PDB file of all heavy atoms in Angstrom:
ATOM      1  N   PRO A   1      23.212  91.860  39.780  1.00  0.00           N
ATOM      2  CA  PRO A   1      22.652  90.749  39.060  1.00  0.00           C
ATOM      3  C   PRO A   1      22.145  91.061  37.722  1.00  0.00           C
ATOM      4  O   PRO A   1      21.437  92.130  37.533  1.00  0.00           O
ATOM      5  CB  PRO A   1      21.410  90.305  40.065  1.00  0.00           C
ATOM      6  CG  PRO A   1      21.368  91.317  41.081  1.00  0.00           C
ATOM      7  CD  PRO A   1      22.546  92.233  41.002  1.00  0.00           C
ATOM      8  N   GLY A   2      22.506  90.236  36.728  1.00  0.00           N
ATOM      9  CA  GLY A   2      22.000  90.413  35.356  1.00  0.00           C
ATOM     10  C   GLY A   2      22.575  91.494  34.571  1.00  0.00           C
ATOM     11  O   GLY A   2      22.291  91.649  33.384  1.00  0.00           O
ATOM     12  N   GLY A   3      23.475  92.304  35.129  1.00  0.00           N
ATOM     13  CA  GLY A   3      24.015  93.396  34.285  1.00  0.00           C
ATOM     14  C   GLY A   3      25.043  92.767  33.315  1.00  0.00           C
ATOM     15  O   GLY A   3      25.664  91.733  33.503  1.00  0.00           O
ATOM     16  N   PRO A   4      25.198  93.471  32.194  1.00  0.00           N
ATOM     17  CA  PRO A   4      26.128  92.965  31.155  1.00  0.00           C
ATOM     18  C   PRO A   4      27.566  92.927  31.659  1.00  0.00           C
ATOM     19  O   PRO A   4      27.964  93.867  32.302  1.00  0.00           O
ATOM     20  CB  PRO A   4      25.947  93.920  29.992  1.00  0.00           C
ATOM     21  CG  PRO A   4      25.413  95.176  30.633  1.00  0.00           C
ATOM     22  CD  PRO A   4      24.650  94.713  31.753  1.00  0.00           C
ATOM     23  N   GLY A   5      28.287  91.838  31.447  1.00  0.00           N
ATOM     24  CA  GLY A   5      29.647  91.664  31.825  1.00  0.00           C
ATOM     25  C   GLY A   5      29.853  91.493  33.348  1.00  0.00           C
ATOM     26  O   GLY A   5      30.907  91.609  33.823  1.00  0.00           O
ATOM     27  N   THR A   6      28.717  91.105  34.011  1.00  0.00           N
ATOM     28  CA  THR A   6      28.941  90.883  35.437  1.00  0.00           C
ATOM     29  C   THR A   6      29.027  89.360  35.730  1.00  0.00           C
ATOM     30  O   THR A   6      28.877  88.521  34.803  1.00  0.00           O
ATOM     31  CB  THR A   6      27.640  91.352  36.205  1.00  0.00           C
ATOM     32  OG1 THR A   6      26.568  90.596  35.754  1.00  0.00           O
ATOM     33  CG2 THR A   6      27.410  92.825  35.976  1.00  0.00           C
ATOM     34  N   LEU A   7      29.431  89.102  36.900  1.00  0.00           N
ATOM     35  CA  LEU A   7      29.581  87.645  37.337  1.00  0.00           C
ATOM     36  C   LEU A   7      28.210  86.920  37.184  1.00  0.00           C
ATOM     37  O   LEU A   7      28.224  85.804  36.795  1.00  0.00           O
ATOM     38  CB  LEU A   7      30.050  87.523  38.728  1.00  0.00           C
ATOM     39  CG  LEU A   7      31.460  88.050  38.964  1.00  0.00           C
ATOM     40  CD1 LEU A   7      31.815  87.953  40.443  1.00  0.00           C
ATOM     41  CD2 LEU A   7      32.441  87.181  38.160  1.00  0.00           C
ATOM     42  N   LEU A   8      27.167  87.627  37.446  1.00  0.00           N
ATOM     43  CA  LEU A   8      25.828  86.997  37.384  1.00  0.00           C
ATOM     44  C   LEU A   8      25.131  87.181  36.050  1.00  0.00           C
ATOM     45  O   LEU A   8      24.093  86.713  35.769  1.00  0.00           O
ATOM     46  CB  LEU A   8      24.953  87.500  38.532  1.00  0.00           C
ATOM     47  CG  LEU A   8      25.261  87.169  39.869  1.00  0.00           C
ATOM     48  CD1 LEU A   8      24.317  87.754  40.877  1.00  0.00           C
ATOM     49  CD2 LEU A   8      25.396  85.639  40.097  1.00  0.00           C
ATOM     50  N   GLY A   9      25.823  88.010  35.138  1.00  0.00           N
ATOM     51  CA  GLY A   9      25.336  88.251  33.875  1.00  0.00           C
ATOM     52  C   GLY A   9      25.134  86.988  32.993  1.00  0.00           C
ATOM     53  O   GLY A   9      24.411  86.947  32.060  1.00  0.00           O
ATOM     54  N   THR A  10      25.932  85.950  33.355  1.00  0.00           N
ATOM     55  CA  THR A  10      25.810  84.721  32.529  1.00  0.00           C
ATOM     56  C   THR A  10      24.717  83.822  33.028  1.00  0.00           C
ATOM     57  O   THR A  10      24.451  82.798  32.412  1.00  0.00           O
ATOM     58  CB  THR A  10      27.165  83.981  32.662  1.00  0.00           C
ATOM     59  OG1 THR A  10      27.470  83.680  34.019  1.00  0.00           O
ATOM     60  CG2 THR A  10      28.301  84.778  32.046  1.00  0.00           C
ATOM     61  N   VAL A  11      24.091  84.129  34.170  1.00  0.00           N
ATOM     62  CA  VAL A  11      23.017  83.312  34.663  1.00  0.00           C
ATOM     63  C   VAL A  11      21.743  83.729  33.954  1.00  0.00           C
ATOM     64  O   VAL A  11      21.423  84.847  33.769  1.00  0.00           O
ATOM     65  CB  VAL A  11      22.896  83.534  36.249  1.00  0.00           C
ATOM     66  CG1 VAL A  11      21.705  82.796  36.774  1.00  0.00           C
ATOM     67  CG2 VAL A  11      24.135  83.184  36.929  1.00  0.00           C
ATOM     68  N   PRO A  12      20.926  82.733  33.545  1.00  0.00           N
ATOM     69  CA  PRO A  12      19.690  83.094  32.881  1.00  0.00           C
ATOM     70  C   PRO A  12      18.802  83.976  33.824  1.00  0.00           C
ATOM     71  O   PRO A  12      18.807  83.776  34.959  1.00  0.00           O
ATOM     72  CB  PRO A  12      19.046  81.733  32.655  1.00  0.00           C
ATOM     73  CG  PRO A  12      20.136  80.675  32.828  1.00  0.00           C
ATOM     74  CD  PRO A  12      21.187  81.281  33.665  1.00  0.00           C
ATOM     75  N   ALA A  13      18.140  84.883  33.169  1.00  0.00           N
ATOM     76  CA  ALA A  13      17.288  85.831  33.949  1.00  0.00           C
ATOM     77  C   ALA A  13      16.246  85.170  34.796  1.00  0.00           C
ATOM     78  O   ALA A  13      15.930  85.581  35.897  1.00  0.00           O
ATOM     79  CB  ALA A  13      16.718  86.846  33.026  1.00  0.00           C
ATOM     80  N   ASN A  14      15.675  84.015  34.269  1.00  0.00           N
ATOM     81  CA  ASN A  14      14.576  83.387  35.009  1.00  0.00           C
ATOM     82  C   ASN A  14      15.204  82.607  36.283  1.00  0.00           C
ATOM     83  O   ASN A  14      14.501  82.283  37.125  1.00  0.00           O
ATOM     84  CB  ASN A  14      13.814  82.406  34.120  1.00  0.00           C
ATOM     85  CG  ASN A  14      14.699  81.302  33.518  1.00  0.00           C
ATOM     86  OD1 ASN A  14      15.879  81.329  33.743  1.00  0.00           O
ATOM     87  ND2 ASN A  14      14.141  80.428  32.764  1.00  0.00           N
ATOM     88  N   ALA A  15      16.452  82.335  36.186  1.00  0.00           N
ATOM     89  CA  ALA A  15      17.040  81.651  37.390  1.00  0.00           C
ATOM     90  C   ALA A  15      17.150  82.541  38.518  1.00  0.00           C
ATOM     91  O   ALA A  15      17.087  82.082  39.681  1.00  0.00           O
ATOM     92  CB  ALA A  15      18.404  81.117  36.944  1.00  0.00           C
ATOM     93  N   LEU A  16      17.277  83.895  38.357  1.00  0.00           N
ATOM     94  CA  LEU A  16      17.336  84.780  39.500  1.00  0.00           C
ATOM     95  C   LEU A  16      15.972  84.904  40.185  1.00  0.00           C
ATOM     96  O   LEU A  16      15.940  85.295  41.305  1.00  0.00           O
ATOM     97  CB  LEU A  16      17.822  86.191  38.992  1.00  0.00           C
ATOM     98  CG  LEU A  16      19.226  86.263  38.504  1.00  0.00           C
ATOM     99  CD1 LEU A  16      19.549  87.615  37.981  1.00  0.00           C
ATOM    100  CD2 LEU A  16      20.266  85.892  39.660  1.00  0.00           C
ATOM    101  N   ALA A  17      14.993  84.505  39.423  1.00  0.00           N
ATOM    102  CA  ALA A  17      13.614  84.532  40.125  1.00  0.00           C
ATOM    103  C   ALA A  17      13.317  83.263  40.796  1.00  0.00           C
ATOM    104  O   ALA A  17      12.174  83.114  41.319  1.00  0.00           O
ATOM    105  CB  ALA A  17      12.595  84.880  39.078  1.00  0.00           C
ATOM    106  N   ALA A  18      14.256  82.374  40.854  1.00  0.00           N
ATOM    107  CA  ALA A  18      14.007  81.043  41.508  1.00  0.00           C
ATOM    108  C   ALA A  18      13.720  81.268  43.041  1.00  0.00           C
ATOM    109  O   ALA A  18      14.173  82.208  43.633  1.00  0.00           O
ATOM    110  CB  ALA A  18      15.235  80.193  41.394  1.00  0.00           C
ATOM    111  N   PRO A  19      12.983  80.333  43.598  1.00  0.00           N
ATOM    112  CA  PRO A  19      12.627  80.491  45.078  1.00  0.00           C
ATOM    113  C   PRO A  19      13.959  80.384  45.866  1.00  0.00           C
ATOM    114  O   PRO A  19      14.902  79.832  45.447  1.00  0.00           O
ATOM    115  CB  PRO A  19      11.788  79.321  45.378  1.00  0.00           C
ATOM    116  CG  PRO A  19      12.034  78.335  44.163  1.00  0.00           C
ATOM    117  CD  PRO A  19      12.458  79.094  43.077  1.00  0.00           C
ATOM    118  N   PRO A  20      13.986  81.018  47.092  1.00  0.00           N
ATOM    119  CA  PRO A  20      15.073  80.940  47.914  1.00  0.00           C
ATOM    120  C   PRO A  20      15.522  79.503  48.325  1.00  0.00           C
ATOM    121  O   PRO A  20      14.675  78.659  48.357  1.00  0.00           O
ATOM    122  CB  PRO A  20      14.718  81.764  49.167  1.00  0.00           C
ATOM    123  CG  PRO A  20      13.432  82.496  48.815  1.00  0.00           C
ATOM    124  CD  PRO A  20      12.859  81.730  47.700  1.00  0.00           C
ATOM    125  N   ALA A  21      16.788  79.408  48.565  1.00  0.00           N
ATOM    126  CA  ALA A  21      17.234  78.084  49.047  1.00  0.00           C
ATOM    127  C   ALA A  21      16.613  77.664  50.311  1.00  0.00           C
ATOM    128  O   ALA A  21      16.240  78.530  51.162  1.00  0.00           O
ATOM    129  CB  ALA A  21      18.794  78.153  49.123  1.00  0.00           C
ATOM    130  N   PRO A  22      16.475  76.324  50.508  1.00  0.00           N
ATOM    131  CA  PRO A  22      15.883  75.916  51.846  1.00  0.00           C
ATOM    132  C   PRO A  22      16.717  76.398  53.026  1.00  0.00           C
ATOM    133  O   PRO A  22      17.903  76.368  52.947  1.00  0.00           O
ATOM    134  CB  PRO A  22      15.929  74.364  51.688  1.00  0.00           C
ATOM    135  CG  PRO A  22      16.202  74.045  50.250  1.00  0.00           C
ATOM    136  CD  PRO A  22      16.812  75.285  49.670  1.00  0.00           C
ATOM    137  N   GLY A  23      16.028  76.872  54.045  1.00  0.00           N
ATOM    138  CA  GLY A  23      16.819  77.305  55.251  1.00  0.00           C
ATOM    139  C   GLY A  23      17.134  78.808  55.145  1.00  0.00           C
ATOM    140  O   GLY A  23      17.659  79.236  56.111  1.00  0.00           O
ATOM    141  N   ALA A  24      17.066  79.438  53.987  1.00  0.00           N
ATOM    142  CA  ALA A  24      17.454  80.859  53.961  1.00  0.00           C
ATOM    143  C   ALA A  24      16.273  81.681  54.613  1.00  0.00           C
ATOM    144  O   ALA A  24      15.171  81.544  54.195  1.00  0.00           O
ATOM    145  CB  ALA A  24      17.608  81.292  52.450  1.00  0.00           C
ATOM    146  N   GLN A  25      16.626  82.468  55.551  1.00  0.00           N
ATOM    147  CA  GLN A  25      15.710  83.260  56.298  1.00  0.00           C
ATOM    148  C   GLN A  25      16.271  84.650  56.453  1.00  0.00           C
ATOM    149  O   GLN A  25      17.381  84.938  56.231  1.00  0.00           O
ATOM    150  CB  GLN A  25      15.436  82.616  57.714  1.00  0.00           C
ATOM    151  CG  GLN A  25      14.841  81.271  57.559  1.00  0.00           C
ATOM    152  CD  GLN A  25      14.780  80.593  59.015  1.00  0.00           C
ATOM    153  OE1 GLN A  25      15.159  81.200  59.995  1.00  0.00           O
ATOM    154  NE2 GLN A  25      14.244  79.421  59.022  1.00  0.00           N
ATOM    155  N   GLY A  26      15.314  85.550  56.860  1.00  0.00           N
ATOM    156  CA  GLY A  26      15.769  86.901  57.207  1.00  0.00           C
ATOM    157  C   GLY A  26      16.268  87.651  55.997  1.00  0.00           C
ATOM    158  O   GLY A  26      15.631  87.565  54.946  1.00  0.00           O
ATOM    159  N   LEU A  27      17.317  88.342  56.149  1.00  0.00           N
ATOM    160  CA  LEU A  27      17.879  89.200  55.084  1.00  0.00           C
ATOM    161  C   LEU A  27      18.304  88.415  53.856  1.00  0.00           C
ATOM    162  O   LEU A  27      18.236  88.960  52.774  1.00  0.00           O
ATOM    163  CB  LEU A  27      19.008  90.098  55.626  1.00  0.00           C
ATOM    164  CG  LEU A  27      18.707  91.104  56.712  1.00  0.00           C
ATOM    165  CD1 LEU A  27      19.909  91.664  57.222  1.00  0.00           C
ATOM    166  CD2 LEU A  27      17.701  92.093  56.217  1.00  0.00           C
ATOM    167  N   LEU A  28      18.831  87.256  54.064  1.00  0.00           N
ATOM    168  CA  LEU A  28      19.369  86.514  52.897  1.00  0.00           C
ATOM    169  C   LEU A  28      18.289  85.717  52.085  1.00  0.00           C
ATOM    170  O   LEU A  28      18.645  85.282  51.028  1.00  0.00           O
ATOM    171  CB  LEU A  28      20.397  85.485  53.494  1.00  0.00           C
ATOM    172  CG  LEU A  28      21.669  86.034  54.168  1.00  0.00           C
ATOM    173  CD1 LEU A  28      22.477  84.903  54.633  1.00  0.00           C
ATOM    174  CD2 LEU A  28      22.343  86.864  53.206  1.00  0.00           C
ATOM    175  N   ALA A  29      17.092  85.780  52.493  1.00  0.00           N
ATOM    176  CA  ALA A  29      16.044  84.977  51.899  1.00  0.00           C
ATOM    177  C   ALA A  29      15.893  85.501  50.410  1.00  0.00           C
ATOM    178  O   ALA A  29      15.766  84.645  49.464  1.00  0.00           O
ATOM    179  CB  ALA A  29      14.728  85.102  52.509  1.00  0.00           C
ATOM    180  N   GLY A  30      15.914  86.770  50.155  1.00  0.00           N
ATOM    181  CA  GLY A  30      15.797  87.261  48.828  1.00  0.00           C
ATOM    182  C   GLY A  30      17.092  87.154  47.977  1.00  0.00           C
ATOM    183  O   GLY A  30      17.058  87.268  46.786  1.00  0.00           O
ATOM    184  N   LEU A  31      18.206  86.879  48.632  1.00  0.00           N
ATOM    185  CA  LEU A  31      19.500  86.893  47.904  1.00  0.00           C
ATOM    186  C   LEU A  31      19.908  85.425  47.559  1.00  0.00           C
ATOM    187  O   LEU A  31      20.883  85.293  46.813  1.00  0.00           O
ATOM    188  CB  LEU A  31      20.567  87.459  48.814  1.00  0.00           C
ATOM    189  CG  LEU A  31      20.439  88.992  49.103  1.00  0.00           C
ATOM    190  CD1 LEU A  31      21.440  89.372  50.125  1.00  0.00           C
ATOM    191  CD2 LEU A  31      20.523  89.803  47.870  1.00  0.00           C
ATOM    192  N   LEU A  32      19.276  84.456  48.140  1.00  0.00           N
ATOM    193  CA  LEU A  32      19.752  83.041  47.876  1.00  0.00           C
ATOM    194  C   LEU A  32      18.789  82.329  46.931  1.00  0.00           C
ATOM    195  O   LEU A  32      17.843  81.702  47.365  1.00  0.00           O
ATOM    196  CB  LEU A  32      19.770  82.320  49.207  1.00  0.00           C
ATOM    197  CG  LEU A  32      20.858  82.766  50.140  1.00  0.00           C
ATOM    198  CD1 LEU A  32      20.688  82.016  51.504  1.00  0.00           C
ATOM    199  CD2 LEU A  32      22.203  82.508  49.616  1.00  0.00           C
ATOM    200  N   PRO A  33      19.067  82.305  45.622  1.00  0.00           N
ATOM    201  CA  PRO A  33      18.288  81.531  44.733  1.00  0.00           C
ATOM    202  C   PRO A  33      18.700  80.072  44.939  1.00  0.00           C
ATOM    203  O   PRO A  33      19.753  79.757  45.605  1.00  0.00           O
ATOM    204  CB  PRO A  33      18.771  81.955  43.321  1.00  0.00           C
ATOM    205  CG  PRO A  33      19.989  82.739  43.555  1.00  0.00           C
ATOM    206  CD  PRO A  33      20.034  83.184  44.979  1.00  0.00           C
ATOM    207  N   ALA A  34      18.011  79.128  44.328  1.00  0.00           N
ATOM    208  CA  ALA A  34      18.334  77.748  44.474  1.00  0.00           C
ATOM    209  C   ALA A  34      19.668  77.512  44.055  1.00  0.00           C
ATOM    210  O   ALA A  34      20.157  77.966  43.060  1.00  0.00           O
ATOM    211  CB  ALA A  34      17.312  76.957  43.667  1.00  0.00           C
ATOM    212  N   VAL A  35      20.432  76.614  44.830  1.00  0.00           N
ATOM    213  CA  VAL A  35      21.783  76.300  44.424  1.00  0.00           C
ATOM    214  C   VAL A  35      21.904  75.605  43.112  1.00  0.00           C
ATOM    215  O   VAL A  35      22.857  75.738  42.385  1.00  0.00           O
ATOM    216  CB  VAL A  35      22.445  75.453  45.559  1.00  0.00           C
ATOM    217  CG1 VAL A  35      23.796  74.947  45.241  1.00  0.00           C
ATOM    218  CG2 VAL A  35      22.524  76.171  46.847  1.00  0.00           C
ATOM    219  N   GLY A  36      20.813  74.885  42.763  1.00  0.00           N
ATOM    220  CA  GLY A  36      20.817  74.169  41.413  1.00  0.00           C
ATOM    221  C   GLY A  36      21.075  75.047  40.269  1.00  0.00           C
ATOM    222  O   GLY A  36      21.617  74.608  39.189  1.00  0.00           O
ATOM    223  N   MET A  37      20.743  76.369  40.303  1.00  0.00           N
ATOM    224  CA  MET A  37      20.970  77.200  39.155  1.00  0.00           C
ATOM    225  C   MET A  37      22.417  77.454  38.932  1.00  0.00           C
ATOM    226  O   MET A  37      22.832  77.885  37.896  1.00  0.00           O
ATOM    227  CB  MET A  37      20.198  78.533  39.376  1.00  0.00           C
ATOM    228  CG  MET A  37      20.789  79.390  40.402  1.00  0.00           C
ATOM    229  SD  MET A  37      19.886  80.983  40.499  1.00  0.00           S
ATOM    230  CE  MET A  37      21.116  82.022  39.886  1.00  0.00           C
TER     231      MET A  37
END
């Protein structure tokens, strides 16, 4: 996430800090930002 030239590098940095998507639990909770981003 956020590295130059990466797939997620085009996503704004503040979007990665968005709360997890509804229903995301367990291990995926920290990996699932809001789909709206």
